């Protein structure tokens, strides 16, 4: 019986295992490579599809914008044509003669020319020839206008001063009341003027008595009372009344706020 070559047999068996392991590793590497390639192909197709979708949406957006722009342009031109037709129907023969040849212009320029002609026509029609002096205005109309101006002026003063921050209707009501009361006082001034002079004289006399008695030369209470009494009078009349009542020049200046 032949003897076995144990080392050779061992090497053969080892070689078989080695070949098997190498084949297994090769198969695994091959599988991983194929898997990686499949993933790469999938990503590439996904990117390509995404790019195609983006390109399609961009084209659709551009097409929609072009369609909107075309529609807006058509609507604008339609409106310009309608406006031009309206102006043409309102212009006279002499107006059309003055702008002869405008048909060769572009639609926007043509419309500008027609608008100018229409304004010229209306200005000419609205112009009133001056044939003489203006007729006298109705006194009541003048009075109402002066009252309105006075109320607005007083409302502005109140809004900047003591009634700052209050509602506009309250300010207007206060201004209206003030102006109407002032006007009523001025209209009835001849009736009150004599009585006012006597009262002011009394205040002035009391003040002079205090001065002669070495009391303070100015009484805030007296000056405030005098100021209230002359409120609503024009400065010249108020000054004259105060002088007649015996107030000094310095006191009159303080009373009138000068």
C-alpha atoms as a PDB file:
ATOM      1  CA  UNK A   1       0.000   0.000   0.000  1.00  0.00           C
ATOM      2  CA  UNK A   2       1.390   3.312  -1.108  1.00  0.00           C
ATOM      3  CA  UNK A   3       2.119   5.824   1.560  1.00  0.00           C
ATOM      4  CA  UNK A   4       0.225   9.125   1.525  1.00  0.00           C
ATOM      5  CA  UNK A   5       2.122  12.362   1.145  1.00  0.00           C
ATOM      6  CA  UNK A   6       0.654  14.085   4.164  1.00  0.00           C
ATOM      7  CA  UNK A   7       2.267  17.475   3.594  1.00  0.00           C
ATOM      8  CA  UNK A   8       1.092  17.553   0.007  1.00  0.00           C
ATOM      9  CA  UNK A   9      -2.371  16.530   1.070  1.00  0.00           C
ATOM     10  CA  UNK A  10      -2.397  19.255   3.710  1.00  0.00           C
ATOM     11  CA  UNK A  11      -1.305  21.835   1.197  1.00  0.00           C
ATOM     12  CA  UNK A  12      -4.020  20.719  -1.183  1.00  0.00           C
ATOM     13  CA  UNK A  13      -6.745  20.946   1.418  1.00  0.00           C
ATOM     14  CA  UNK A  14      -5.447  24.346   2.553  1.00  0.00           C
ATOM     15  CA  UNK A  15      -5.410  25.536  -1.038  1.00  0.00           C
ATOM     16  CA  UNK A  16      -9.018  24.478  -1.453  1.00  0.00           C
ATOM     17  CA  UNK A  17     -10.073  26.464   1.616  1.00  0.00           C
ATOM     18  CA  UNK A  18      -8.002  29.441   0.481  1.00  0.00           C
ATOM     19  CA  UNK A  19      -9.594  29.370  -2.966  1.00  0.00           C
ATOM     20  CA  UNK A  20     -13.014  29.105  -1.399  1.00  0.00           C
ATOM     21  CA  UNK A  21     -12.380  32.112   0.864  1.00  0.00           C
ATOM     22  CA  UNK A  22     -10.947  34.133  -1.994  1.00  0.00           C
ATOM     23  CA  UNK A  23     -13.930  33.273  -4.149  1.00  0.00           C
ATOM     24  CA  UNK A  24     -16.261  34.273  -1.349  1.00  0.00           C
ATOM     25  CA  UNK A  25     -14.484  37.606  -0.864  1.00  0.00           C
ATOM     26  CA  UNK A  26     -14.499  38.192  -4.603  1.00  0.00           C
ATOM     27  CA  UNK A  27     -18.215  37.494  -4.757  1.00  0.00           C
ATOM     28  CA  UNK A  28     -18.865  39.812  -1.810  1.00  0.00           C
ATOM     29  CA  UNK A  29     -16.744  42.558  -3.337  1.00  0.00           C
ATOM     30  CA  UNK A  30     -18.519  42.083  -6.616  1.00  0.00           C
ATOM     31  CA  UNK A  31     -21.915  42.293  -4.913  1.00  0.00           C
ATOM     32  CA  UNK A  32     -20.931  45.458  -3.031  1.00  0.00           C
ATOM     33  CA  UNK A  33     -19.644  47.005  -6.228  1.00  0.00           C
ATOM     34  CA  UNK A  34     -22.857  46.187  -8.048  1.00  0.00           C
ATOM     35  CA  UNK A  35     -24.899  47.589  -5.141  1.00  0.00           C
ATOM     36  CA  UNK A  36     -22.889  50.826  -5.127  1.00  0.00           C
ATOM     37  CA  UNK A  37     -23.294  51.145  -8.857  1.00  0.00           C
ATOM     38  CA  UNK A  38     -27.048  50.593  -8.558  1.00  0.00           C
ATOM     39  CA  UNK A  39     -27.292  53.303  -5.886  1.00  0.00           C
ATOM     40  CA  UNK A  40     -25.204  55.667  -8.026  1.00  0.00           C
ATOM     41  CA  UNK A  41     -27.391  54.958 -11.036  1.00  0.00           C
ATOM     42  CA  UNK A  42     -30.511  55.572  -8.954  1.00  0.00           C
ATOM     43  CA  UNK A  43     -29.166  58.904  -7.646  1.00  0.00           C
ATOM     44  CA  UNK A  44     -28.109  59.911 -11.125  1.00  0.00           C
ATOM     45  CA  UNK A  45     -31.563  59.157 -12.510  1.00  0.00           C
ATOM     46  CA  UNK A  46     -33.158  61.017  -9.561  1.00  0.00           C
ATOM     47  CA  UNK A  47     -30.978  64.077 -10.165  1.00  0.00           C
ATOM     48  CA  UNK A  48     -31.720  63.960 -13.856  1.00  0.00           C
ATOM     49  CA  UNK A  49     -35.453  63.728 -13.172  1.00  0.00           C
ATOM     50  CA  UNK A  50     -35.273  66.609 -10.677  1.00  0.00           C
ATOM     51  CA  UNK A  51     -33.406  68.742 -13.190  1.00  0.00           C
ATOM     52  CA  UNK A  52     -35.984  67.915 -15.818  1.00  0.00           C
ATOM     53  CA  UNK A  53     -38.800  68.867 -13.416  1.00  0.00           C
ATOM     54  CA  UNK A  54     -37.091  72.141 -12.526  1.00  0.00           C
ATOM     55  CA  UNK A  55     -36.558  72.952 -16.172  1.00  0.00           C
ATOM     56  CA  UNK A  56     -40.176  72.160 -16.959  1.00  0.00           C
ATOM     57  CA  UNK A  57     -41.441  74.392 -14.110  1.00  0.00           C
ATOM     58  CA  UNK A  58     -39.144  77.212 -15.219  1.00  0.00           C
ATOM     59  CA  UNK A  59     -40.465  76.984 -18.775  1.00  0.00           C
ATOM     60  CA  UNK A  60     -44.052  76.928 -17.533  1.00  0.00           C
ATOM     61  CA  UNK A  61     -43.387  79.980 -15.332  1.00  0.00           C
ATOM     62  CA  UNK A  62     -41.818  81.875 -18.234  1.00  0.00           C
ATOM     63  CA  UNK A  63     -44.687  80.960 -20.525  1.00  0.00           C
ATOM     64  CA  UNK A  64     -47.241  82.072 -17.904  1.00  0.00           C
ATOM     65  CA  UNK A  65     -45.397  85.370 -17.385  1.00  0.00           C
ATOM     66  CA  UNK A  66     -45.319  85.975 -21.129  1.00  0.00           C
ATOM     67  CA  UNK A  67     -49.034  85.217 -21.349  1.00  0.00           C
ATOM     68  CA  UNK A  68     -49.821  87.635 -18.484  1.00  0.00           C
ATOM     69  CA  UNK A  69     -47.637  90.335 -20.015  1.00  0.00           C
ATOM     70  CA  UNK A  70     -49.343  89.885 -23.365  1.00  0.00           C
ATOM     71  CA  UNK A  71     -52.784  90.040 -21.733  1.00  0.00           C
ATOM     72  CA  UNK A  72     -51.830  93.164 -19.744  1.00  0.00           C
ATOM     73  CA  UNK A  73     -50.461  94.815 -22.856  1.00  0.00           C
ATOM     74  CA  UNK A  74     -53.615  94.008 -24.790  1.00  0.00           C
ATOM     75  CA  UNK A  75     -55.806  95.345 -21.970  1.00  0.00           C
ATOM     76  CA  UNK A  76     -53.725  98.533 -21.746  1.00  0.00           C
ATOM     77  CA  UNK A  77     -53.875  99.112 -25.479  1.00  0.00           C
ATOM     78  CA  UNK A  78     -57.606  98.427 -25.486  1.00  0.00           C
ATOM     79  CA  UNK A  79     -58.102 101.002 -22.740  1.00  0.00           C
ATOM     80  CA  UNK A  80     -55.932 103.512 -24.617  1.00  0.00           C
ATOM     81  CA  UNK A  81     -57.915 102.967 -27.808  1.00  0.00           C
ATOM     82  CA  UNK A  82     -61.214 103.460 -25.961  1.00  0.00           C
ATOM     83  CA  UNK A  83     -59.899 106.630 -24.316  1.00  0.00           C
ATOM     84  CA  UNK A  84     -58.675 107.943 -27.673  1.00  0.00           C
ATOM     85  CA  UNK A  85     -62.060 107.243 -29.273  1.00  0.00           C
ATOM     86  CA  UNK A  86     -63.812 109.049 -26.409  1.00  0.00           C
ATOM     87  CA  UNK A  87     -61.595 112.126 -26.758  1.00  0.00           C
ATOM     88  CA  UNK A  88     -62.032 112.176 -30.535  1.00  0.00           C
ATOM     89  CA  UNK A  89     -65.803 112.180 -30.070  1.00  0.00           C
ATOM     90  CA  UNK A  90     -65.522 115.262 -27.821  1.00  0.00           C
ATOM     91  CA  UNK A  91     -63.132 117.343 -29.938  1.00  0.00           C
ATOM     92  CA  UNK A  92     -64.352 119.870 -32.446  1.00  0.00           C
ATOM     93  CA  UNK A  93     -63.197 120.317 -36.018  1.00  0.00           C
ATOM     94  CA  UNK A  94     -60.797 123.146 -35.114  1.00  0.00           C
ATOM     95  CA  UNK A  95     -59.234 121.010 -32.383  1.00  0.00           C
ATOM     96  CA  UNK A  96     -58.712 118.142 -34.821  1.00  0.00           C
ATOM     97  CA  UNK A  97     -57.242 120.529 -37.374  1.00  0.00           C
ATOM     98  CA  UNK A  98     -54.729 121.738 -34.802  1.00  0.00           C
ATOM     99  CA  UNK A  99     -53.450 118.184 -34.183  1.00  0.00           C
ATOM    100  CA  UNK A 100     -53.575 117.048 -37.794  1.00  0.00           C
ATOM    101  CA  UNK A 101     -51.240 114.151 -38.540  1.00  0.00           C
ATOM    102  CA  UNK A 102     -51.374 112.562 -35.112  1.00  0.00           C
ATOM    103  CA  UNK A 103     -52.641 109.313 -36.678  1.00  0.00           C
ATOM    104  CA  UNK A 104     -49.067 108.447 -37.658  1.00  0.00           C
ATOM    105  CA  UNK A 105     -47.961 108.442 -34.021  1.00  0.00           C
ATOM    106  CA  UNK A 106     -47.752 105.382 -31.816  1.00  0.00           C
ATOM    107  CA  UNK A 107     -50.804 104.685 -29.705  1.00  0.00           C
ATOM    108  CA  UNK A 108     -49.319 106.055 -26.423  1.00  0.00           C
ATOM    109  CA  UNK A 109     -48.049 109.231 -28.151  1.00  0.00           C
ATOM    110  CA  UNK A 110     -51.357 109.635 -29.957  1.00  0.00           C
ATOM    111  CA  UNK A 111     -53.225 109.422 -26.653  1.00  0.00           C
ATOM    112  CA  UNK A 112     -50.930 112.065 -25.091  1.00  0.00           C
ATOM    113  CA  UNK A 113     -51.627 114.391 -28.028  1.00  0.00           C
ATOM    114  CA  UNK A 114     -55.369 113.889 -27.688  1.00  0.00           C
ATOM    115  CA  UNK A 115     -55.276 114.420 -23.899  1.00  0.00           C
ATOM    116  CA  UNK A 116     -53.438 117.715 -24.445  1.00  0.00           C
ATOM    117  CA  UNK A 117     -56.007 118.806 -27.018  1.00  0.00           C
ATOM    118  CA  UNK A 118     -58.869 117.914 -24.655  1.00  0.00           C
ATOM    119  CA  UNK A 119     -57.317 119.888 -21.772  1.00  0.00           C
ATOM    120  CA  UNK A 120     -56.819 122.862 -24.079  1.00  0.00           C
ATOM    121  CA  UNK A 121     -60.462 122.670 -25.150  1.00  0.00           C
ATOM    122  CA  UNK A 122     -61.753 122.488 -21.572  1.00  0.00           C
ATOM    123  CA  UNK A 123     -59.509 125.324 -20.429  1.00  0.00           C
ATOM    124  CA  UNK A 124     -60.818 127.461 -23.245  1.00  0.00           C
ATOM    125  CA  UNK A 125     -64.421 126.572 -22.386  1.00  0.00           C
ATOM    126  CA  UNK A 126     -63.943 127.239 -18.666  1.00  0.00           C
ATOM    127  CA  UNK A 127     -62.261 130.587 -19.167  1.00  0.00           C
ATOM    128  CA  UNK A 128     -64.684 133.384 -18.241  1.00  0.00           C
ATOM    129  CA  UNK A 129     -64.060 136.686 -20.031  1.00  0.00           C
ATOM    130  CA  UNK A 130     -63.605 139.627 -17.685  1.00  0.00           C
ATOM    131  CA  UNK A 131     -66.022 142.262 -18.889  1.00  0.00           C
ATOM    132  CA  UNK A 132     -66.126 144.366 -15.736  1.00  0.00           C
ATOM    133  CA  UNK A 133     -65.728 144.415 -11.964  1.00  0.00           C
ATOM    134  CA  UNK A 134     -66.982 141.501  -9.949  1.00  0.00           C
ATOM    135  CA  UNK A 135     -70.476 141.923  -8.514  1.00  0.00           C
ATOM    136  CA  UNK A 136     -70.600 142.682  -4.790  1.00  0.00           C
ATOM    137  CA  UNK A 137     -70.776 139.633  -2.590  1.00  0.00           C
ATOM    138  CA  UNK A 138     -73.712 138.884  -0.356  1.00  0.00           C
ATOM    139  CA  UNK A 139     -72.906 140.286   3.123  1.00  0.00           C
ATOM    140  CA  UNK A 140     -74.273 137.146   4.749  1.00  0.00           C
ATOM    141  CA  UNK A 141     -71.980 135.037   2.588  1.00  0.00           C
ATOM    142  CA  UNK A 142     -68.989 137.172   3.593  1.00  0.00           C
ATOM    143  CA  UNK A 143     -70.009 136.951   7.253  1.00  0.00           C
ATOM    144  CA  UNK A 144     -70.354 133.161   7.062  1.00  0.00           C
ATOM    145  CA  UNK A 145     -66.957 132.869   5.401  1.00  0.00           C
ATOM    146  CA  UNK A 146     -65.302 135.057   8.050  1.00  0.00           C
ATOM    147  CA  UNK A 147     -66.970 133.003  10.806  1.00  0.00           C
ATOM    148  CA  UNK A 148     -65.726 129.763   9.264  1.00  0.00           C
ATOM    149  CA  UNK A 149     -62.178 131.106   8.974  1.00  0.00           C
ATOM    150  CA  UNK A 150     -62.257 132.349  12.575  1.00  0.00           C
ATOM    151  CA  UNK A 151     -63.467 128.950  13.828  1.00  0.00           C
ATOM    152  CA  UNK A 152     -60.740 127.121  11.930  1.00  0.00           C
ATOM    153  CA  UNK A 153     -58.092 129.515  13.255  1.00  0.00           C
ATOM    154  CA  UNK A 154     -59.311 129.161  16.846  1.00  0.00           C
ATOM    155  CA  UNK A 155     -59.507 125.359  16.495  1.00  0.00           C
ATOM    156  CA  UNK A 156     -55.890 125.310  15.346  1.00  0.00           C
ATOM    157  CA  UNK A 157     -54.874 127.398  18.384  1.00  0.00           C
ATOM    158  CA  UNK A 158     -56.772 125.121  20.777  1.00  0.00           C
ATOM    159  CA  UNK A 159     -55.374 121.995  19.134  1.00  0.00           C
ATOM    160  CA  UNK A 160     -51.839 123.253  19.666  1.00  0.00           C
ATOM    161  CA  UNK A 161     -52.484 124.491  23.183  1.00  0.00           C
ATOM    162  CA  UNK A 162     -54.895 123.737  25.980  1.00  0.00           C
ATOM    163  CA  UNK A 163     -56.944 121.103  24.075  1.00  0.00           C
ATOM    164  CA  UNK A 164     -53.987 119.263  22.580  1.00  0.00           C
ATOM    165  CA  UNK A 165     -54.725 115.560  22.206  1.00  0.00           C
ATOM    166  CA  UNK A 166     -58.519 115.872  22.440  1.00  0.00           C
ATOM    167  CA  UNK A 167     -60.828 114.632  19.653  1.00  0.00           C
ATOM    168  CA  UNK A 168     -61.206 116.946  16.680  1.00  0.00           C
ATOM    169  CA  UNK A 169     -64.985 117.262  17.107  1.00  0.00           C
ATOM    170  CA  UNK A 170     -64.571 118.518  20.679  1.00  0.00           C
ATOM    171  CA  UNK A 171     -61.968 121.054  19.566  1.00  0.00           C
ATOM    172  CA  UNK A 172     -64.238 122.279  16.764  1.00  0.00           C
ATOM    173  CA  UNK A 173     -67.196 122.572  19.153  1.00  0.00           C
ATOM    174  CA  UNK A 174     -65.139 124.612  21.613  1.00  0.00           C
ATOM    175  CA  UNK A 175     -63.796 126.836  18.828  1.00  0.00           C
ATOM    176  CA  UNK A 176     -67.301 127.402  17.452  1.00  0.00           C
ATOM    177  CA  UNK A 177     -68.645 128.308  20.888  1.00  0.00           C
ATOM    178  CA  UNK A 178     -65.777 130.740  21.489  1.00  0.00           C
ATOM    179  CA  UNK A 179     -66.165 132.491  18.122  1.00  0.00           C
ATOM    180  CA  UNK A 180     -69.943 132.767  18.423  1.00  0.00           C
ATOM    181  CA  UNK A 181     -69.719 134.182  21.953  1.00  0.00           C
ATOM    182  CA  UNK A 182     -67.054 136.652  20.892  1.00  0.00           C
ATOM    183  CA  UNK A 183     -69.151 137.738  17.907  1.00  0.00           C
ATOM    184  CA  UNK A 184     -72.198 138.179  20.139  1.00  0.00           C
ATOM    185  CA  UNK A 185     -70.171 140.339  22.516  1.00  0.00           C
ATOM    186  CA  UNK A 186     -68.827 142.502  19.691  1.00  0.00           C
ATOM    187  CA  UNK A 187     -72.283 142.959  18.213  1.00  0.00           C
ATOM    188  CA  UNK A 188     -73.608 144.130  21.583  1.00  0.00           C
ATOM    189  CA  UNK A 189     -70.485 146.109  22.520  1.00  0.00           C
ATOM    190  CA  UNK A 190     -72.215 149.553  22.538  1.00  0.00           C
ATOM    191  CA  UNK A 191     -74.619 148.283  25.217  1.00  0.00           C
ATOM    192  CA  UNK A 192     -71.852 147.016  27.486  1.00  0.00           C
ATOM    193  CA  UNK A 193     -69.176 149.582  26.816  1.00  0.00           C
ATOM    194  CA  UNK A 194     -70.446 152.109  29.370  1.00  0.00           C
ATOM    195  CA  UNK A 195     -70.920 149.492  32.068  1.00  0.00           C
ATOM    196  CA  UNK A 196     -67.503 148.046  31.303  1.00  0.00           C
ATOM    197  CA  UNK A 197     -65.909 151.471  31.736  1.00  0.00           C
ATOM    198  CA  UNK A 198     -67.501 151.921  35.167  1.00  0.00           C
ATOM    199  CA  UNK A 199     -66.382 148.480  36.314  1.00  0.00           C
ATOM    200  CA  UNK A 200     -62.854 149.025  35.061  1.00  0.00           C
ATOM    201  CA  UNK A 201     -62.750 152.411  36.751  1.00  0.00           C
ATOM    202  CA  UNK A 202     -63.737 150.731  39.993  1.00  0.00           C
ATOM    203  CA  UNK A 203     -60.980 148.147  39.600  1.00  0.00           C
ATOM    204  CA  UNK A 204     -58.486 150.895  38.752  1.00  0.00           C
ATOM    205  CA  UNK A 205     -59.543 152.993  41.736  1.00  0.00           C
ATOM    206  CA  UNK A 206     -59.143 150.050  44.074  1.00  0.00           C
ATOM    207  CA  UNK A 207     -55.715 149.421  42.649  1.00  0.00           C
ATOM    208  CA  UNK A 208     -54.719 153.077  43.083  1.00  0.00           C
ATOM    209  CA  UNK A 209     -55.925 152.992  46.685  1.00  0.00           C
ATOM    210  CA  UNK A 210     -53.707 149.995  47.317  1.00  0.00           C
ATOM    211  CA  UNK A 211     -50.782 151.802  45.754  1.00  0.00           C
ATOM    212  CA  UNK A 212     -51.345 154.922  47.900  1.00  0.00           C
ATOM    213  CA  UNK A 213     -51.630 152.716  50.958  1.00  0.00           C
ATOM    214  CA  UNK A 214     -48.152 151.284  50.280  1.00  0.00           C
ATOM    215  CA  UNK A 215     -49.600 147.912  49.330  1.00  0.00           C
ATOM    216  CA  UNK A 216     -48.058 145.925  46.439  1.00  0.00           C
ATOM    217  CA  UNK A 217     -48.299 147.881  43.211  1.00  0.00           C
ATOM    218  CA  UNK A 218     -49.762 144.992  41.243  1.00  0.00           C
ATOM    219  CA  UNK A 219     -52.627 142.724  42.234  1.00  0.00           C
ATOM    220  CA  UNK A 220     -52.808 139.577  40.136  1.00  0.00           C
ATOM    221  CA  UNK A 221     -56.486 139.245  40.981  1.00  0.00           C
ATOM    222  CA  UNK A 222     -57.261 142.771  39.751  1.00  0.00           C
ATOM    223  CA  UNK A 223     -55.226 142.338  36.596  1.00  0.00           C
ATOM    224  CA  UNK A 224     -56.857 139.001  35.822  1.00  0.00           C
ATOM    225  CA  UNK A 225     -60.300 140.520  36.366  1.00  0.00           C
ATOM    226  CA  UNK A 226     -59.456 143.435  34.062  1.00  0.00           C
ATOM    227  CA  UNK A 227     -58.102 141.060  31.436  1.00  0.00           C
ATOM    228  CA  UNK A 228     -61.344 139.066  31.486  1.00  0.00           C
ATOM    229  CA  UNK A 229     -63.388 142.236  31.104  1.00  0.00           C
ATOM    230  CA  UNK A 230     -61.573 143.432  27.981  1.00  0.00           C
ATOM    231  CA  UNK A 231     -61.362 139.999  26.389  1.00  0.00           C
ATOM    232  CA  UNK A 232     -62.856 140.123  22.919  1.00  0.00           C
ATOM    233  CA  UNK A 233     -62.140 143.825  22.360  1.00  0.00           C
ATOM    234  CA  UNK A 234     -59.638 144.870  19.774  1.00  0.00           C
ATOM    235  CA  UNK A 235     -56.300 145.954  21.360  1.00  0.00           C
ATOM    236  CA  UNK A 236     -56.764 149.680  20.676  1.00  0.00           C
ATOM    237  CA  UNK A 237     -60.230 149.801  22.261  1.00  0.00           C
ATOM    238  CA  UNK A 238     -59.110 147.680  25.222  1.00  0.00           C
ATOM    239  CA  UNK A 239     -56.089 149.919  25.831  1.00  0.00           C
ATOM    240  CA  UNK A 240     -58.276 153.049  25.712  1.00  0.00           C
ATOM    241  CA  UNK A 241     -60.779 151.584  28.185  1.00  0.00           C
ATOM    242  CA  UNK A 242     -57.993 150.577  30.578  1.00  0.00           C
ATOM    243  CA  UNK A 243     -56.365 154.001  30.379  1.00  0.00           C
ATOM    244  CA  UNK A 244     -59.716 155.651  31.107  1.00  0.00           C
ATOM    245  CA  UNK A 245     -60.132 153.335  34.104  1.00  0.00           C
ATOM    246  CA  UNK A 246     -56.828 154.581  35.552  1.00  0.00           C
ATOM    247  CA  UNK A 247     -54.481 151.663  34.895  1.00  0.00           C
ATOM    248  CA  UNK A 248     -50.821 152.514  34.367  1.00  0.00           C
ATOM    249  CA  UNK A 249     -48.995 151.810  31.116  1.00  0.00           C
ATOM    250  CA  UNK A 250     -47.077 148.934  32.734  1.00  0.00           C
ATOM    251  CA  UNK A 251     -50.277 147.413  34.100  1.00  0.00           C
ATOM    252  CA  UNK A 252     -52.026 147.773  30.738  1.00  0.00           C
ATOM    253  CA  UNK A 253     -49.108 145.994  29.101  1.00  0.00           C
ATOM    254  CA  UNK A 254     -49.388 143.168  31.621  1.00  0.00           C
ATOM    255  CA  UNK A 255     -53.169 142.959  31.196  1.00  0.00           C
ATOM    256  CA  UNK A 256     -52.982 142.829  27.414  1.00  0.00           C
ATOM    257  CA  UNK A 257     -50.071 140.420  27.497  1.00  0.00           C
ATOM    258  CA  UNK A 258     -47.777 142.795  25.552  1.00  0.00           C
END
